[in-house]
Amino acid sequence: MYINRRAIFVLVVTVGCIVLTGVLMRNHGMTDRRYSVSDNGEDEMEKSQHAGWTIGPRKEEKADTLVNHALYNKSFLQKFMKPGYKHIALVREPISWFKSAVRFFTKFDRGEIRNRFHYTKPGPLKPEEVATNDSLLFVTRFYEGLPHAWFHLGQLLWYGFNYADRNNITAINSFITSLIKQADVIMLYDQLDASLVLLKRKFHWTYLDIFYKSYGFTTKSEEELSKKSIERILSEDVNLGDKLLYDSMNRTWWNYPELREQHFWEEVKHFKELNREVNTYCLTKNELYQGVFVILASEWHEALHVTHQLCSYLRLPSTNTNMINQINDYADKRCSF
């Protein structure tokens, strides 16, 4: 089984809840125009500065892959995706997710929340500020098509959970059980390297498909939460549902047979070291450098050739608004599922 490497880059970006639009991609090689997709299958030209990909599908076609971040809707994907697509379910420990969401959604260049609460100081709000202010903690979105709340049950809502059932623990547990059954592979953000190696093994990828760059945004002291705030965030009326989701997916992930093999964890250690080595190499080369970094074969991989093109994407700054499209441009066209 071979899956387009686009998927893994998208996953890495989406982990931090930083991409808000879902786009279905058709694999053509050369592409023409950009389309958005409505539930009825109507084609609409999308006004975008990132034109160049063929987005769809049109009525007579099915999409190869879902790019960026979208609310999960199984029936929609079954209708518009080619048969046999794989569902890779990613989850993040809820306190870590909450800190990331606050950091991103209250940045100075993101106006909706800041304008509504008249925040003018630069930099994002602190998680403690949000956790101790119910007006912020339960702030809702103005627009449809995205989760109802910013910081409340964010992960469950991105997976398509009905916000009206947020106080129904039975409904939450039933939804989580169904979601896990639908997932072909689960990934844990707090075990990202191991999750990437697991994907590589299951989908016959190479290390060139899973190298990534990690971005450090804040110091630990800036994101400290009091014990009381942590208890509040994980309480039944706030984000207990996300905790139940994480706990269930965490148990499922640790039950994968590959994880019981010592050789697997040795490969994870090797990948971590190799990823650091590749990133160090790429950061020393400017965009004009055309050389190739050859990594000798090991027991886990054949010889790898790190090209200037791969390096250019590992060097992309976190603020690059065209990052996703540029990364997709790097992805090859060997999608066969």
Protein backbone atom coordinates (compact mmCIF):
# COMPACT_ATOMS: atom_id res chain seq x y z
CA MET A 1 0.00 0.00 0.00
CA TYR A 2 1.37 3.41 -0.94
CA ILE A 3 -0.06 6.67 0.30
CA ASN A 4 0.91 10.11 -0.96
CA ARG A 5 3.44 11.78 1.32
CA ARG A 6 1.28 14.92 1.34
CA ALA A 7 -0.77 13.36 4.09
CA ILE A 8 2.04 13.24 6.62
CA PHE A 9 3.09 16.84 6.14
CA VAL A 10 -0.50 17.92 6.61
CA LEU A 11 -0.74 15.90 9.80
CA VAL A 12 2.32 17.51 11.29
CA VAL A 13 0.96 20.97 10.58
CA THR A 14 -2.50 20.21 11.84
CA VAL A 15 -1.36 18.91 15.19
CA GLY A 16 -1.14 22.40 16.63
CA CYS A 17 -4.71 23.21 15.53
CA ILE A 18 -3.37 25.88 13.21
CA VAL A 19 -5.00 25.15 9.86
CA LEU A 20 -8.70 25.81 9.47
CA THR A 21 -9.71 24.93 5.93
CA GLY A 22 -10.28 21.57 4.30
CA VAL A 23 -9.53 21.03 0.63
CA LEU A 24 -9.98 17.92 -1.47
CA MET A 25 -7.22 17.23 -3.97
CA ARG A 26 -7.29 15.44 -7.33
CA ASN A 27 -4.04 13.90 -8.44
CA HIS A 28 -3.40 15.12 -12.01
CA GLY A 29 0.30 15.84 -12.19
CA MET A 30 -0.12 19.20 -13.96
CA THR A 31 -3.01 21.13 -12.42
CA ASP A 32 -5.23 23.92 -13.63
CA ARG A 33 -7.71 25.68 -11.37
CA ARG A 34 -8.71 25.83 -7.72
CA TYR A 35 -12.15 24.69 -6.60
CA SER A 36 -14.03 24.58 -3.34
CA VAL A 37 -16.56 21.82 -2.76
CA SER A 38 -20.08 22.14 -1.39
CA ASP A 39 -22.11 19.28 0.07
CA ASN A 40 -24.18 18.96 -3.10
CA GLY A 41 -21.11 18.48 -5.27
CA GLU A 42 -21.44 21.81 -7.06
CA ASP A 43 -18.20 23.20 -8.47
CA GLU A 44 -17.29 26.70 -7.38
CA MET A 45 -14.23 28.68 -8.33
CA GLU A 46 -12.42 29.71 -5.19
CA LYS A 47 -10.88 33.17 -5.05
CA SER A 48 -7.46 32.44 -3.62
CA GLN A 49 -3.93 33.71 -3.71
CA HIS A 50 -2.81 30.08 -3.69
CA ALA A 51 -4.17 29.12 -7.10
CA GLY A 52 -2.41 26.35 -8.97
CA TRP A 53 -3.77 23.16 -7.44
CA THR A 54 -6.75 21.38 -8.92
CA ILE A 55 -9.26 21.25 -6.13
CA GLY A 56 -12.42 19.28 -6.23
CA PRO A 57 -13.68 16.84 -6.99
CA ARG A 58 -15.78 17.85 -9.95
CA LYS A 59 -18.94 15.82 -10.33
CA GLU A 60 -17.35 13.16 -12.50
CA GLU A 61 -14.26 12.70 -10.35
CA LYS A 62 -13.22 11.59 -6.89
CA ALA A 63 -10.55 13.19 -4.73
CA ASP A 64 -7.24 11.53 -3.87
CA THR A 65 -6.56 13.14 -0.53
CA LEU A 66 -7.82 15.71 1.95
CA VAL A 67 -5.38 18.57 2.50
CA ASN A 68 -5.37 20.95 5.48
CA HIS A 69 -7.80 20.84 8.38
CA ALA A 70 -11.51 20.16 8.07
CA LEU A 71 -14.38 18.91 10.21
CA TYR A 72 -14.50 15.13 9.89
CA ASN A 73 -17.61 13.90 8.09
CA LYS A 74 -17.50 10.24 7.14
CA SER A 75 -20.44 10.32 4.73
CA PHE A 76 -19.01 13.37 2.94
CA LEU A 77 -15.63 11.66 2.48
CA GLN A 78 -17.24 8.45 1.26
CA LYS A 79 -19.14 10.50 -1.32
CA PHE A 80 -16.22 12.54 -2.63
CA MET A 81 -13.05 10.51 -1.95
CA LYS A 82 -11.77 7.64 -4.04
CA PRO A 83 -12.55 4.24 -2.48
CA GLY A 84 -9.95 2.87 -0.09
CA TYR A 85 -8.79 6.17 1.44
CA LYS A 86 -7.13 5.85 4.84
CA HIS A 87 -8.26 7.63 7.99
CA ILE A 88 -5.28 8.64 10.14
CA ALA A 89 -6.60 9.93 13.48
CA LEU A 90 -4.39 12.31 15.44
CA VAL A 91 -4.91 13.28 19.07
CA ARG A 92 -3.12 15.53 21.54
CA GLU A 93 -3.06 15.46 25.33
CA PRO A 94 -5.81 17.99 26.22
CA ILE A 95 -3.78 20.35 28.42
CA SER A 96 -1.08 20.54 25.76
CA TRP A 97 -3.78 21.11 23.11
CA PHE A 98 -5.37 23.87 25.19
CA LYS A 99 -2.07 25.74 25.54
CA SER A 100 -1.43 25.47 21.81
CA ALA A 101 -4.95 26.65 20.95
CA VAL A 102 -4.64 29.69 23.23
CA ARG A 103 -1.22 30.51 21.80
CA PHE A 104 -2.40 30.39 18.22
CA PHE A 105 -5.93 31.77 18.37
CA THR A 106 -5.04 34.80 20.49
CA LYS A 107 -1.97 35.91 18.55
CA PHE A 108 -1.82 39.59 17.71
CA ASP A 109 -2.35 38.96 14.00
CA ARG A 110 -5.57 37.00 14.61
CA GLY A 111 -8.19 39.63 15.31
CA GLU A 112 -11.49 37.92 16.10
CA ILE A 113 -10.99 37.02 19.76
CA ARG A 114 -8.72 39.96 20.53
CA ASN A 115 -11.16 42.47 19.03
CA ARG A 116 -14.15 41.01 20.84
CA PHE A 117 -12.39 41.33 24.20
CA HIS A 118 -10.43 44.52 23.40
CA TYR A 119 -6.93 43.06 23.88
CA THR A 120 -4.28 45.35 22.46
CA LYS A 121 -1.03 44.13 23.99
CA PRO A 122 1.26 42.21 21.62
CA GLY A 123 1.71 38.50 21.88
CA PRO A 124 -0.85 35.79 22.64
CA LEU A 125 -2.80 35.56 25.86
CA LYS A 126 -1.54 33.24 28.58
CA PRO A 127 -3.41 29.95 29.07
CA GLU A 128 -4.04 30.89 32.70
CA GLU A 129 -5.84 34.05 31.55
CA VAL A 130 -8.21 32.01 29.40
CA ALA A 131 -8.71 29.18 31.90
CA THR A 132 -9.81 31.61 34.63
CA ASN A 133 -12.17 33.65 32.44
CA ASP A 134 -15.34 31.81 31.39
CA SER A 135 -16.11 34.44 28.75
CA LEU A 136 -12.87 33.48 27.03
CA LEU A 137 -12.97 29.80 27.90
CA PHE A 138 -16.34 29.29 26.22
CA VAL A 139 -16.00 31.90 23.48
CA THR A 140 -17.75 30.77 20.29
CA ARG A 141 -17.10 31.41 16.62
CA PHE A 142 -19.04 33.86 14.50
CA TYR A 143 -18.96 31.75 11.37
CA GLU A 144 -20.28 28.32 10.42
CA GLY A 145 -18.38 25.37 9.02
CA LEU A 146 -15.87 25.18 11.88
CA PRO A 147 -16.16 23.89 15.46
CA HIS A 148 -18.61 25.86 17.56
CA ALA A 149 -16.07 26.78 20.26
CA TRP A 150 -12.43 27.89 20.24
CA PHE A 151 -11.14 26.28 23.44
CA HIS A 152 -14.00 24.03 24.52
CA LEU A 153 -13.98 20.40 23.29
CA GLY A 154 -11.87 21.46 20.32
CA GLN A 155 -10.57 18.03 19.36
CA LEU A 156 -13.93 16.28 19.63
CA LEU A 157 -15.57 19.00 17.57
CA TRP A 158 -12.97 18.80 14.79
CA TYR A 159 -13.79 15.10 14.57
CA GLY A 160 -17.43 15.99 13.95
CA PHE A 161 -18.97 15.58 17.41
CA ASN A 162 -22.35 17.30 17.83
CA TYR A 163 -21.87 20.27 20.17
CA ALA A 164 -25.48 19.90 21.34
CA ASP A 165 -24.44 16.61 23.04
CA ARG A 166 -21.54 18.20 24.93
CA ASN A 167 -23.07 17.44 28.35
CA ASN A 168 -23.97 13.85 27.50
CA ILE A 169 -21.09 11.60 28.62
CA THR A 170 -22.78 8.52 27.15
CA ALA A 171 -22.97 10.21 23.75
CA ILE A 172 -19.33 11.30 24.02
CA ASN A 173 -18.12 7.79 24.85
CA SER A 174 -20.23 6.27 22.07
CA PHE A 175 -18.83 8.78 19.57
CA ILE A 176 -15.24 8.03 20.64
CA THR A 177 -15.76 4.27 20.32
CA SER A 178 -17.14 4.71 16.80
CA LEU A 179 -14.33 7.08 15.80
CA ILE A 180 -11.62 4.66 16.92
CA LYS A 181 -13.25 1.85 14.95
CA GLN A 182 -13.15 4.04 11.82
CA ALA A 183 -9.49 4.97 12.23
CA ASP A 184 -6.96 2.99 10.18
CA VAL A 185 -4.07 4.36 12.21
CA ILE A 186 -3.94 6.50 15.35
CA MET A 187 -1.19 9.04 16.00
CA LEU A 188 -0.25 10.58 19.35
CA TYR A 189 1.23 14.07 19.36
CA ASP A 190 3.24 13.29 22.50
CA GLN A 191 4.69 10.27 20.68
CA LEU A 192 5.12 12.02 17.33
CA ASP A 193 8.40 10.39 16.29
CA ALA A 194 7.14 6.92 17.12
CA SER A 195 3.84 7.65 15.37
CA LEU A 196 5.68 8.74 12.23
CA VAL A 197 7.81 5.59 12.23
CA LEU A 198 4.63 3.57 12.68
CA LEU A 199 3.06 5.27 9.64
CA LYS A 200 6.22 4.67 7.64
CA ARG A 201 6.01 0.96 8.39
CA LYS A 202 2.29 0.58 7.79
CA PHE A 203 2.22 2.56 4.52
CA HIS A 204 5.65 1.65 3.16
CA TRP A 205 6.94 5.22 3.25
CA THR A 206 10.61 6.16 3.51
CA TYR A 207 12.33 8.46 5.96
CA LEU A 208 12.25 11.17 3.29
CA ASP A 209 8.46 11.16 3.70
CA ILE A 210 8.48 11.76 7.45
CA PHE A 211 11.33 14.18 8.17
CA TYR A 212 9.90 17.28 9.83
CA LYS A 213 10.83 20.55 11.49
CA SER A 214 9.73 21.34 15.02
CA TYR A 215 8.86 24.92 15.94
CA GLY A 216 9.40 26.25 19.45
CA PHE A 217 7.09 29.19 20.14
CA THR A 218 7.15 29.89 23.86
CA THR A 219 9.03 29.07 27.01
CA LYS A 220 7.52 26.73 29.57
CA SER A 221 7.13 29.52 32.14
CA GLU A 222 4.87 31.47 29.76
CA GLU A 223 2.43 28.57 29.57
CA GLU A 224 2.26 27.45 33.19
CA LEU A 225 -1.18 26.55 34.46
CA SER A 226 -2.19 26.35 38.11
CA LYS A 227 -3.47 23.06 39.48
CA LYS A 228 -6.90 24.66 39.85
CA SER A 229 -6.93 25.73 36.20
CA ILE A 230 -5.90 22.27 35.02
CA GLU A 231 -8.72 20.75 37.03
CA ARG A 232 -11.10 23.31 35.54
CA ILE A 233 -10.01 22.57 31.96
CA LEU A 234 -10.43 18.83 32.46
CA SER A 235 -13.76 19.16 34.23
CA GLU A 236 -16.97 17.69 32.82
CA ASP A 237 -18.37 21.05 31.69
CA VAL A 238 -15.18 22.11 29.87
CA ASN A 239 -12.87 19.57 28.21
CA LEU A 240 -13.47 16.21 29.87
CA GLY A 241 -14.68 14.99 26.48
CA ASP A 242 -11.27 15.73 24.94
CA LYS A 243 -9.61 13.89 27.83
CA LEU A 244 -11.80 10.85 27.25
CA LEU A 245 -10.92 11.00 23.55
CA TYR A 246 -7.20 11.18 24.32
CA ASP A 247 -7.31 8.42 26.94
CA SER A 248 -9.13 6.04 24.59
CA MET A 249 -6.88 6.75 21.60
CA ASN A 250 -3.81 6.55 23.83
CA ARG A 251 -4.77 3.06 25.02
CA THR A 252 -5.46 1.95 21.44
CA TRP A 253 -2.12 3.32 20.21
CA TRP A 254 -0.11 1.55 22.90
CA ASN A 255 -1.80 -1.74 21.96
CA TYR A 256 -0.36 -1.71 18.42
CA PRO A 257 1.79 -4.88 18.17
CA GLU A 258 4.72 -2.98 16.62
CA LEU A 259 5.18 -1.06 19.85
CA ARG A 260 5.94 -4.24 21.76
CA GLU A 261 9.04 -4.84 19.67
CA GLN A 262 12.36 -3.55 21.00
CA HIS A 263 13.54 -3.15 17.42
CA PHE A 264 10.75 -0.62 16.82
CA TRP A 265 11.95 1.67 19.59
CA GLU A 266 15.51 1.34 18.38
CA GLU A 267 14.31 2.59 15.00
CA VAL A 268 12.47 5.49 16.66
CA LYS A 269 15.71 6.50 18.37
CA HIS A 270 17.53 6.27 15.04
CA PHE A 271 14.87 8.39 13.32
CA LYS A 272 15.07 11.11 15.99
CA GLU A 273 18.83 11.34 15.55
CA LEU A 274 18.53 11.33 11.77
CA ASN A 275 15.83 14.00 11.78
CA ARG A 276 18.03 16.28 13.89
CA GLU A 277 20.96 15.62 11.58
CA VAL A 278 18.92 16.43 8.45
CA ASN A 279 17.52 19.62 9.98
CA THR A 280 20.97 20.75 11.07
CA TYR A 281 22.31 20.14 7.58
CA CYS A 282 19.41 21.92 5.87
CA LEU A 283 19.62 24.98 8.12
CA THR A 284 23.23 25.53 7.04
CA LYS A 285 22.34 25.63 3.33
CA ASN A 286 20.78 28.62 1.64
CA GLU A 287 18.11 28.42 -1.05
CA LEU A 288 20.70 28.68 -3.86
CA TYR A 289 22.53 25.54 -2.74
CA GLN A 290 21.85 22.66 -5.14
CA GLY A 291 23.83 19.87 -3.47
CA VAL A 292 22.55 16.55 -2.14
CA PHE A 293 23.14 15.15 1.34
CA VAL A 294 23.56 11.37 1.14
CA ILE A 295 22.70 9.35 4.22
CA LEU A 296 24.30 5.93 4.15
CA ALA A 297 22.10 2.85 4.29
CA SER A 298 21.35 1.31 7.66
CA GLU A 299 19.39 -1.67 8.91
CA TRP A 300 16.25 0.50 8.77
CA HIS A 301 16.60 2.13 5.37
CA GLU A 302 18.44 2.22 2.08
CA ALA A 303 20.69 5.15 1.23
CA LEU A 304 18.74 8.42 1.43
CA HIS A 305 19.28 11.50 -0.71
CA VAL A 306 18.28 14.73 0.99
CA THR A 307 17.79 17.23 -1.82
CA HIS A 308 17.84 21.03 -1.76
CA GLN A 309 14.10 20.92 -2.38
CA LEU A 310 13.40 18.97 0.81
CA CYS A 311 15.70 21.34 2.69
CA SER A 312 13.79 24.34 1.38
CA TYR A 313 10.60 23.05 3.02
CA LEU A 314 12.30 22.16 6.28
CA ARG A 315 13.53 25.77 6.40
CA LEU A 316 10.07 27.31 5.88
CA PRO A 317 9.25 29.75 8.70
CA SER A 318 6.17 29.06 10.81
CA THR A 319 4.71 32.39 9.68
CA ASN A 320 4.78 31.50 5.99
CA THR A 321 1.12 31.73 4.96
CA ASN A 322 1.76 29.67 1.85
CA MET A 323 3.50 26.87 3.74
CA ILE A 324 0.88 24.18 3.15
CA ASN A 325 0.69 24.73 -0.59
CA GLN A 326 4.47 24.83 -0.90
CA ILE A 327 4.81 21.60 1.04
CA ASN A 328 2.11 19.99 -1.11
CA ASP A 329 4.07 21.12 -4.15
CA TYR A 330 6.99 19.05 -2.88
CA ALA A 331 4.85 15.93 -2.52
CA ASP A 332 5.15 13.47 -5.35
CA LYS A 333 2.23 12.07 -7.33
CA ARG A 334 2.32 8.42 -6.27
CA CYS A 335 -1.04 8.33 -4.58
CA SER A 336 -2.57 4.94 -5.40
CA PHE A 337 -5.26 4.38 -2.81
